[in-house]
């Protein structure tokens, strides 16, 4: 056994943010340890074993629904199941490297349900083409939205089957804004949104108007991107080959964001500890009635409905607000089912993927959203790598921490992005 071997057990032990298999999977037989290695690492998968990785979502009922489906598939097909959660939406590309290492070691998972940019996984040589499966799904449900399609259709082959898509945007409490005489639909810019959030904030009664952070994580990153686009800044040009973030518009957007989170003028609308929030914090604050407005995926509303919370009856969904350039940004994302290269059980890897596409399963999930792309150019491997490297969130953190001016931080983000682009064979700079 080589020292860099990543087996199922070592993957779970090593993976940051993984969760114990839990009640649903606890009853599923685990692969026995090899003779003479009691308590040692689990053996490589065999034809009777299915190894599945599941992305952990904020919505527990959604997680449980997906997990139960995987467990039932294994039981119906007399398969021994290894199944575990991988990091949630705040996760970085660390799991990508772990899966790639498992592929190289000859002990890969069979299926990975994930929302990361498939370009990165493809570059690491971890994905088995699934064009025939995606075409079967298209024949049933039609074409996927443009963003998931652009991320999974690489060089004429699909490397992931889109399970569902979902947009994130603004979620506002009408029971807070409307009594204050604020017409949410009339708010166009972030300046107007901030003013409205200030007006309804009531810290003495634990109500804050602003429910977004700018730190590392999916929600913080998407919010930063929306602000950049609202000020007319873009990360890449229309070709997707050249970095364009080093612009006066980007500097102005960064300055606006930093002022928002540091100027005492706005302190009243900021929840305590907002700059240390994780990706679940804004969900919890909104569902707990602590904030009047946040930006999030549909999971926050779905959770409110599932739990019968009163906030679900007073929630309005609105598109992300813009800046001076009035340029909207769409954070549409996809959830993908990947067949991992070198799978020991390709028949049931493919079978599990296709088992999700029937009316019963589809109706048990939430999702969907509007069409659109978050970049002016096509999604590419290098763009995905920039996002997973937290370049955009660190750009804000460098200024908040007093390490750089806004102009210096934007230039640093540009330089980092160009380096990443060149690593992927793109020119990056003119």
Protein backbone atom coordinates (compact mmCIF):
# COMPACT_ATOMS: atom_id res chain seq x y z
CA UNK A 1 0.00 0.00 0.00
CA UNK A 2 1.45 3.33 -1.03
CA UNK A 3 1.63 6.14 1.46
CA UNK A 4 -0.46 8.50 -0.67
CA UNK A 5 -3.31 6.02 -1.02
CA UNK A 6 -6.64 7.66 -0.21
CA UNK A 7 -9.18 5.01 0.70
CA UNK A 8 -12.73 5.51 1.74
CA UNK A 9 -11.87 5.57 5.42
CA UNK A 10 -8.89 7.87 5.09
CA UNK A 11 -10.91 10.17 2.81
CA UNK A 12 -13.59 10.55 5.48
CA UNK A 13 -11.01 10.99 8.24
CA UNK A 14 -9.02 13.54 6.30
CA UNK A 15 -11.83 15.53 4.70
CA UNK A 16 -12.46 18.78 6.54
CA UNK A 17 -16.11 19.54 7.04
CA UNK A 18 -17.32 15.98 6.53
CA UNK A 19 -20.17 14.78 8.67
CA UNK A 20 -20.69 11.44 10.30
CA UNK A 21 -22.71 9.10 8.15
CA UNK A 22 -25.67 9.44 10.50
CA UNK A 23 -28.80 7.51 11.23
CA UNK A 24 -29.86 6.85 7.67
CA UNK A 25 -26.58 5.36 6.61
CA UNK A 26 -25.57 3.81 9.90
CA UNK A 27 -27.52 0.68 9.14
CA UNK A 28 -25.87 0.19 5.78
CA UNK A 29 -23.23 -2.56 5.97
CA UNK A 30 -19.69 -1.26 5.79
CA UNK A 31 -17.01 -3.03 3.82
CA UNK A 32 -15.09 -5.33 6.17
CA UNK A 33 -11.44 -4.76 6.93
CA UNK A 34 -8.99 -7.18 5.25
CA UNK A 35 -7.92 -10.21 7.20
CA UNK A 36 -5.11 -9.40 9.61
CA UNK A 37 -5.86 -5.67 9.45
CA UNK A 38 -8.61 -5.34 12.00
CA UNK A 39 -9.27 -1.67 12.59
CA UNK A 40 -7.19 -0.75 9.56
CA UNK A 41 -8.22 1.03 6.38
CA UNK A 42 -11.17 -0.25 4.38
CA UNK A 43 -10.33 -2.19 1.24
CA UNK A 44 -10.84 -0.90 -2.26
CA UNK A 45 -14.33 -1.02 -3.60
CA UNK A 46 -15.53 -4.25 -5.16
CA UNK A 47 -18.37 -5.04 -7.56
CA UNK A 48 -20.79 -5.37 -4.65
CA UNK A 49 -19.94 -2.03 -3.09
CA UNK A 50 -21.08 1.46 -4.04
CA UNK A 51 -19.14 4.46 -2.76
CA UNK A 52 -21.09 7.74 -2.98
CA UNK A 53 -20.22 11.25 -1.84
CA UNK A 54 -23.05 13.69 -1.16
CA UNK A 55 -22.77 17.46 -0.93
CA UNK A 56 -24.04 18.75 2.41
CA UNK A 57 -26.68 21.44 1.97
CA UNK A 58 -28.04 23.90 4.52
CA UNK A 59 -31.50 22.35 4.20
CA UNK A 60 -31.49 19.21 6.46
CA UNK A 61 -34.68 17.82 4.98
CA UNK A 62 -33.16 18.07 1.52
CA UNK A 63 -30.02 16.26 2.74
CA UNK A 64 -32.13 13.55 4.33
CA UNK A 65 -34.25 13.13 1.21
CA UNK A 66 -31.19 12.67 -1.02
CA UNK A 67 -29.48 10.42 1.51
CA UNK A 68 -32.55 8.18 1.84
CA UNK A 69 -32.73 7.86 -1.93
CA UNK A 70 -29.08 6.76 -2.14
CA UNK A 71 -29.53 4.30 0.71
CA UNK A 72 -32.69 2.86 -0.86
CA UNK A 73 -30.98 2.43 -4.22
CA UNK A 74 -28.17 0.46 -2.58
CA UNK A 75 -30.61 -1.70 -0.63
CA UNK A 76 -32.74 -2.44 -3.70
CA UNK A 77 -29.65 -3.58 -5.58
CA UNK A 78 -28.05 -5.56 -2.72
CA UNK A 79 -25.06 -3.24 -2.59
CA UNK A 80 -22.83 -2.53 0.35
CA UNK A 81 -22.86 1.26 0.61
CA UNK A 82 -20.17 3.70 1.65
CA UNK A 83 -21.74 7.15 1.77
CA UNK A 84 -20.67 10.39 3.38
CA UNK A 85 -21.24 14.11 3.16
CA UNK A 86 -18.58 16.35 1.72
CA UNK A 87 -18.19 19.98 2.72
CA UNK A 88 -21.16 22.29 2.35
CA UNK A 89 -21.48 25.39 0.24
CA UNK A 90 -18.73 27.13 2.18
CA UNK A 91 -16.29 24.42 1.11
CA UNK A 92 -13.32 25.15 -1.13
CA UNK A 93 -11.57 22.97 -3.63
CA UNK A 94 -9.95 20.75 -0.98
CA UNK A 95 -12.32 17.86 -1.67
CA UNK A 96 -11.45 18.13 -5.38
CA UNK A 97 -7.84 17.29 -4.55
CA UNK A 98 -8.86 14.42 -2.29
CA UNK A 99 -11.02 12.85 -5.00
CA UNK A 100 -8.22 13.31 -7.55
CA UNK A 101 -5.80 11.60 -5.16
CA UNK A 102 -8.25 8.73 -4.74
CA UNK A 103 -8.47 8.35 -8.53
CA UNK A 104 -4.69 8.25 -8.81
CA UNK A 105 -4.48 5.72 -5.97
CA UNK A 106 -6.92 3.44 -7.77
CA UNK A 107 -9.61 3.66 -5.10
CA UNK A 108 -12.01 6.39 -6.24
CA UNK A 109 -15.61 7.04 -5.25
CA UNK A 110 -18.19 5.85 -7.75
CA UNK A 111 -20.50 8.89 -7.68
CA UNK A 112 -20.12 12.40 -6.37
CA UNK A 113 -23.06 14.76 -6.01
CA UNK A 114 -21.56 18.24 -5.93
CA UNK A 115 -22.02 21.88 -6.96
CA UNK A 116 -18.39 22.83 -7.60
CA UNK A 117 -17.22 24.01 -11.00
CA UNK A 118 -16.79 20.78 -13.01
CA UNK A 119 -13.97 22.38 -15.00
CA UNK A 120 -11.67 21.96 -12.04
CA UNK A 121 -12.60 18.32 -11.58
CA UNK A 122 -12.10 17.67 -15.29
CA UNK A 123 -8.68 19.32 -15.22
CA UNK A 124 -7.71 16.97 -12.40
CA UNK A 125 -8.69 13.95 -14.51
CA UNK A 126 -11.44 12.81 -12.16
CA UNK A 127 -14.60 12.77 -14.31
CA UNK A 128 -15.96 10.05 -16.58
CA UNK A 129 -17.99 11.38 -19.54
CA UNK A 130 -21.74 10.90 -19.10
CA UNK A 131 -23.03 12.34 -22.36
CA UNK A 132 -25.45 9.49 -22.95
CA UNK A 133 -26.93 9.89 -19.47
CA UNK A 134 -27.38 13.64 -19.77
CA UNK A 135 -29.00 13.20 -23.17
CA UNK A 136 -31.46 10.73 -21.63
CA UNK A 137 -32.33 13.34 -18.99
CA UNK A 138 -32.71 16.03 -21.66
CA UNK A 139 -35.12 13.76 -23.53
CA UNK A 140 -37.26 13.63 -20.38
CA UNK A 141 -36.99 17.13 -18.93
CA UNK A 142 -35.51 19.29 -21.68
CA UNK A 143 -32.27 21.27 -21.86
CA UNK A 144 -30.59 22.42 -18.63
CA UNK A 145 -30.26 26.14 -17.93
CA UNK A 146 -27.34 27.86 -19.70
CA UNK A 147 -25.01 28.05 -16.70
CA UNK A 148 -25.12 24.33 -15.77
CA UNK A 149 -24.88 23.38 -19.42
CA UNK A 150 -21.81 25.57 -19.96
CA UNK A 151 -20.14 24.06 -16.88
CA UNK A 152 -20.79 20.41 -17.70
CA UNK A 153 -20.50 20.32 -21.52
CA UNK A 154 -16.73 20.29 -22.08
CA UNK A 155 -15.21 19.73 -25.50
CA UNK A 156 -18.41 18.15 -26.77
CA UNK A 157 -18.85 15.74 -23.83
CA UNK A 158 -20.99 16.09 -20.73
CA UNK A 159 -18.94 15.36 -17.59
CA UNK A 160 -21.83 15.78 -15.19
CA UNK A 161 -25.57 15.27 -15.18
CA UNK A 162 -27.43 18.32 -13.87
CA UNK A 163 -29.64 17.23 -11.00
CA UNK A 164 -31.22 20.64 -10.55
CA UNK A 165 -30.40 24.32 -10.69
CA UNK A 166 -31.26 27.11 -8.35
CA UNK A 167 -30.75 30.83 -8.31
CA UNK A 168 -29.94 32.92 -5.35
CA UNK A 169 -31.02 36.48 -4.94
CA UNK A 170 -32.59 38.80 -2.43
CA UNK A 171 -34.99 37.60 0.27
CA UNK A 172 -36.84 40.35 2.11
CA UNK A 173 -39.39 40.41 4.91
CA UNK A 174 -42.44 42.29 3.72
CA UNK A 175 -43.77 42.40 7.29
CA UNK A 176 -40.80 44.61 8.19
CA UNK A 177 -40.39 46.82 5.13
CA UNK A 178 -44.03 47.46 4.20
CA UNK A 179 -45.11 48.86 7.60
CA UNK A 180 -42.24 51.33 7.25
CA UNK A 181 -43.72 52.49 3.94
CA UNK A 182 -40.88 51.00 1.87
CA UNK A 183 -41.73 49.63 -1.58
CA UNK A 184 -39.18 46.87 -2.09
CA UNK A 185 -39.95 46.56 -5.79
CA UNK A 186 -38.97 50.19 -6.29
CA UNK A 187 -35.47 49.72 -4.86
CA UNK A 188 -32.97 49.63 -7.71
CA UNK A 189 -29.50 50.25 -6.29
CA UNK A 190 -27.50 49.02 -3.34
CA UNK A 191 -27.42 52.54 -1.98
CA UNK A 192 -31.22 52.52 -1.85
CA UNK A 193 -31.21 49.05 -0.32
CA UNK A 194 -28.76 50.10 2.40
CA UNK A 195 -30.88 53.16 3.22
CA UNK A 196 -33.99 50.96 3.51
CA UNK A 197 -32.12 48.46 5.70
CA UNK A 198 -31.04 51.28 7.99
CA UNK A 199 -34.59 52.58 8.28
CA UNK A 200 -36.04 49.27 9.47
CA UNK A 201 -33.15 48.30 11.76
CA UNK A 202 -34.02 48.08 15.45
CA UNK A 203 -31.04 46.65 17.38
CA UNK A 204 -32.77 47.15 20.74
CA UNK A 205 -35.29 44.54 19.61
CA UNK A 206 -32.67 42.36 17.89
CA UNK A 207 -33.67 43.28 14.36
CA UNK A 208 -31.06 44.30 11.80
CA UNK A 209 -31.81 45.31 8.25
CA UNK A 210 -28.65 43.99 6.55
CA UNK A 211 -28.02 40.24 6.36
CA UNK A 212 -24.95 39.77 4.12
CA UNK A 213 -21.28 39.20 4.83
CA UNK A 214 -18.20 39.61 2.62
CA UNK A 215 -15.95 36.93 4.06
CA UNK A 216 -14.89 33.63 2.53
CA UNK A 217 -17.77 31.40 1.52
CA UNK A 218 -20.34 31.10 -1.22
CA UNK A 219 -22.77 33.74 -0.03
CA UNK A 220 -20.09 36.34 0.68
CA UNK A 221 -18.43 35.67 -2.66
CA UNK A 222 -21.64 35.97 -4.66
CA UNK A 223 -22.54 39.21 -2.90
CA UNK A 224 -19.15 40.70 -3.74
CA UNK A 225 -19.57 39.70 -7.37
CA UNK A 226 -23.00 41.34 -7.51
CA UNK A 227 -21.62 44.59 -6.17
CA UNK A 228 -18.72 44.51 -8.65
CA UNK A 229 -21.12 44.00 -11.54
CA UNK A 230 -23.42 46.70 -10.20
CA UNK A 231 -20.55 49.18 -10.43
CA UNK A 232 -19.76 48.05 -13.99
CA UNK A 233 -16.72 45.92 -13.12
CA UNK A 234 -16.20 42.44 -14.53
CA UNK A 235 -13.62 39.81 -13.71
CA UNK A 236 -13.03 38.70 -17.31
CA UNK A 237 -13.74 39.97 -20.81
CA UNK A 238 -16.36 38.56 -23.16
CA UNK A 239 -13.99 35.84 -24.39
CA UNK A 240 -13.23 34.49 -20.93
CA UNK A 241 -9.48 34.57 -21.74
CA UNK A 242 -8.44 37.92 -20.26
CA UNK A 243 -8.72 39.26 -16.71
CA UNK A 244 -10.38 42.69 -16.53
CA UNK A 245 -10.91 43.23 -12.80
CA UNK A 246 -8.13 45.86 -12.58
CA UNK A 247 -10.44 48.78 -13.35
CA UNK A 248 -11.58 52.05 -11.75
CA UNK A 249 -15.08 50.59 -11.44
CA UNK A 250 -13.77 47.67 -9.37
CA UNK A 251 -11.85 50.04 -7.08
CA UNK A 252 -15.01 52.11 -6.53
CA UNK A 253 -17.02 48.96 -5.76
CA UNK A 254 -14.43 47.77 -3.24
CA UNK A 255 -14.33 51.19 -1.59
CA UNK A 256 -18.12 51.18 -1.30
CA UNK A 257 -18.14 47.72 0.28
CA UNK A 258 -15.39 48.53 2.76
CA UNK A 259 -17.13 51.76 3.78
CA UNK A 260 -20.35 49.84 4.33
CA UNK A 261 -18.73 47.49 6.84
CA UNK A 262 -16.42 49.97 8.58
CA UNK A 263 -18.23 53.33 8.63
CA UNK A 264 -20.08 53.89 11.92
CA UNK A 265 -22.89 55.42 9.85
CA UNK A 266 -23.99 51.88 8.89
CA UNK A 267 -23.32 50.13 12.19
CA UNK A 268 -26.97 50.16 13.25
CA UNK A 269 -28.03 47.80 10.42
CA UNK A 270 -25.16 45.31 10.82
CA UNK A 271 -25.82 42.19 12.94
CA UNK A 272 -23.16 41.51 15.60
CA UNK A 273 -20.28 39.46 14.19
CA UNK A 274 -21.46 39.73 10.59
CA UNK A 275 -17.88 39.72 9.27
CA UNK A 276 -17.27 36.32 10.88
CA UNK A 277 -20.41 34.69 9.50
CA UNK A 278 -20.28 31.32 7.80
CA UNK A 279 -22.51 30.34 4.88
CA UNK A 280 -25.22 29.14 7.27
CA UNK A 281 -25.22 32.27 9.44
CA UNK A 282 -27.37 34.44 7.19
CA UNK A 283 -29.85 31.58 6.77
CA UNK A 284 -30.13 31.18 10.53
CA UNK A 285 -30.42 34.93 11.12
CA UNK A 286 -33.16 35.35 8.52
CA UNK A 287 -35.14 32.31 9.64
CA UNK A 288 -34.76 33.41 13.25
CA UNK A 289 -36.28 36.80 12.48
CA UNK A 290 -33.05 38.67 13.21
CA UNK A 291 -32.47 40.26 9.78
CA UNK A 292 -34.89 41.86 7.35
CA UNK A 293 -32.98 41.23 4.13
CA UNK A 294 -30.41 38.69 2.94
CA UNK A 295 -29.12 37.15 -0.27
CA UNK A 296 -29.17 33.40 -0.51
CA UNK A 297 -30.17 30.40 -2.55
CA UNK A 298 -33.70 29.02 -2.43
CA UNK A 299 -32.74 26.83 0.52
CA UNK A 300 -33.50 29.62 2.99
CA UNK A 301 -37.10 29.92 1.80
CA UNK A 302 -37.52 26.16 1.40
CA UNK A 303 -36.41 25.69 4.98
CA UNK A 304 -38.92 28.29 6.17
CA UNK A 305 -41.73 26.51 4.33
CA UNK A 306 -40.68 23.03 5.46
CA UNK A 307 -40.54 24.08 9.10
CA UNK A 308 -43.79 26.02 8.94
CA UNK A 309 -42.12 29.26 10.00
CA UNK A 310 -44.18 32.43 9.89
CA UNK A 311 -41.41 34.20 7.98
CA UNK A 312 -42.35 32.09 4.93
CA UNK A 313 -45.67 33.95 4.77
CA UNK A 314 -43.92 37.32 4.70
CA UNK A 315 -41.02 36.74 2.33
CA UNK A 316 -40.52 38.44 -1.02
CA UNK A 317 -37.96 37.26 -3.57
CA UNK A 318 -36.27 39.93 -5.63
CA UNK A 319 -33.40 39.97 -8.09
CA UNK A 320 -30.03 41.20 -6.80
CA UNK A 321 -29.75 44.96 -6.60
CA UNK A 322 -27.40 46.94 -8.80
CA UNK A 323 -24.96 49.79 -8.45
CA UNK A 324 -24.39 52.91 -10.52
CA UNK A 325 -24.01 50.86 -13.71
CA UNK A 326 -27.32 49.08 -13.05
CA UNK A 327 -25.76 45.82 -14.21
CA UNK A 328 -27.41 42.82 -12.60
CA UNK A 329 -25.50 39.71 -11.58
CA UNK A 330 -26.97 36.23 -11.62
CA UNK A 331 -25.74 33.66 -9.15
CA UNK A 332 -27.50 30.70 -10.77
CA UNK A 333 -25.81 27.49 -9.77
CA UNK A 334 -26.20 23.83 -10.47
CA UNK A 335 -26.04 20.56 -8.56
CA UNK A 336 -24.31 17.88 -10.56
CA UNK A 337 -24.04 14.10 -10.46
CA UNK A 338 -20.56 12.95 -11.45
CA UNK A 339 -19.38 9.49 -12.42
CA UNK A 340 -15.81 9.37 -11.11
CA UNK A 341 -13.00 8.09 -13.33
CA UNK A 342 -11.87 4.58 -12.43
CA UNK A 343 -15.12 3.71 -10.64
CA UNK A 344 -15.10 0.08 -9.47
CA UNK A 345 -18.81 -0.21 -10.04
CA UNK A 346 -19.63 1.73 -13.22
CA UNK A 347 -22.92 -0.09 -13.79
CA UNK A 348 -24.41 1.02 -10.51
CA UNK A 349 -22.68 4.39 -10.58
CA UNK A 350 -24.62 5.10 -13.75
CA UNK A 351 -27.71 3.43 -12.33
CA UNK A 352 -27.66 5.60 -9.21
CA UNK A 353 -27.31 8.76 -11.31
CA UNK A 354 -30.28 7.90 -13.50
CA UNK A 355 -32.40 6.82 -10.53
CA UNK A 356 -32.80 10.50 -9.58
CA UNK A 357 -34.73 11.30 -12.73
CA UNK A 358 -38.31 10.35 -12.14
CA UNK A 359 -41.28 12.40 -11.02
CA UNK A 360 -41.23 11.19 -7.43
CA UNK A 361 -37.62 12.20 -6.81
CA UNK A 362 -37.84 15.41 -8.78
CA UNK A 363 -40.92 16.54 -6.90
CA UNK A 364 -39.12 15.84 -3.63
CA UNK A 365 -36.43 18.40 -4.40
CA UNK A 366 -36.59 22.15 -4.77
CA UNK A 367 -34.69 24.29 -7.23
CA UNK A 368 -34.91 26.00 -10.59
CA UNK A 369 -34.32 29.67 -11.36
CA UNK A 370 -33.75 32.10 -14.15
CA UNK A 371 -31.44 31.79 -17.13
CA UNK A 372 -28.21 33.72 -17.30
CA UNK A 373 -24.47 33.63 -16.81
CA UNK A 374 -22.49 35.25 -14.00
CA UNK A 375 -19.60 36.15 -16.27
CA UNK A 376 -19.51 38.21 -19.47
CA UNK A 377 -17.60 35.40 -21.14
CA UNK A 378 -18.03 31.62 -21.06
CA UNK A 379 -17.38 29.68 -17.89
CA UNK A 380 -13.88 28.23 -17.98
CA UNK A 381 -11.55 26.18 -15.83
CA UNK A 382 -9.50 29.25 -14.96
CA UNK A 383 -12.58 31.20 -13.82
CA UNK A 384 -13.59 28.32 -11.59
CA UNK A 385 -10.09 28.19 -10.14
CA UNK A 386 -10.17 31.92 -9.35
CA UNK A 387 -13.44 31.44 -7.46
CA UNK A 388 -12.25 28.41 -5.49
CA UNK A 389 -9.04 30.26 -4.56
CA UNK A 390 -11.07 32.96 -2.77
CA UNK A 391 -9.38 35.74 -4.72
CA UNK A 392 -12.52 37.90 -4.69
CA UNK A 393 -13.22 37.56 -0.95
CA UNK A 394 -9.57 38.09 -0.04
CA UNK A 395 -9.62 41.24 -2.18
CA UNK A 396 -12.10 42.74 0.28
CA UNK A 397 -10.42 41.27 3.37
CA UNK A 398 -7.08 42.88 2.48
CA UNK A 399 -8.69 46.31 2.66
CA UNK A 400 -10.84 45.60 5.71
CA UNK A 401 -7.73 44.44 7.56
CA UNK A 402 -5.83 47.60 6.59
CA UNK A 403 -3.21 45.64 4.66
CA UNK A 404 -3.90 47.31 1.30
CA UNK A 405 -5.76 50.21 -0.21
CA UNK A 406 -8.69 49.41 -2.46
CA UNK A 407 -6.58 50.11 -5.55
CA UNK A 408 -3.72 47.94 -4.28
CA UNK A 409 -6.05 45.07 -3.43
CA UNK A 410 -7.78 45.16 -6.82
CA UNK A 411 -4.38 45.11 -8.53
CA UNK A 412 -3.31 42.20 -6.33
CA UNK A 413 -6.49 40.30 -7.23
CA UNK A 414 -5.78 41.00 -10.88
CA UNK A 415 -2.21 39.68 -10.59
CA UNK A 416 -3.38 36.54 -8.78
CA UNK A 417 -6.04 35.91 -11.40
CA UNK A 418 -3.59 36.35 -14.28
CA UNK A 419 -1.26 33.80 -12.67
CA UNK A 420 -4.13 31.31 -12.32
CA UNK A 421 -5.22 31.91 -15.91
CA UNK A 422 -1.72 31.20 -17.20
CA UNK A 423 -1.60 27.97 -15.18
CA UNK A 424 -4.61 26.84 -17.20
CA UNK A 425 -3.07 27.92 -20.51
CA UNK A 426 -5.12 31.10 -20.93
CA UNK A 427 -3.34 34.41 -21.72
CA UNK A 428 -4.86 36.22 -18.75
CA UNK A 429 -3.40 39.59 -19.71
CA UNK A 430 -3.04 41.49 -22.96
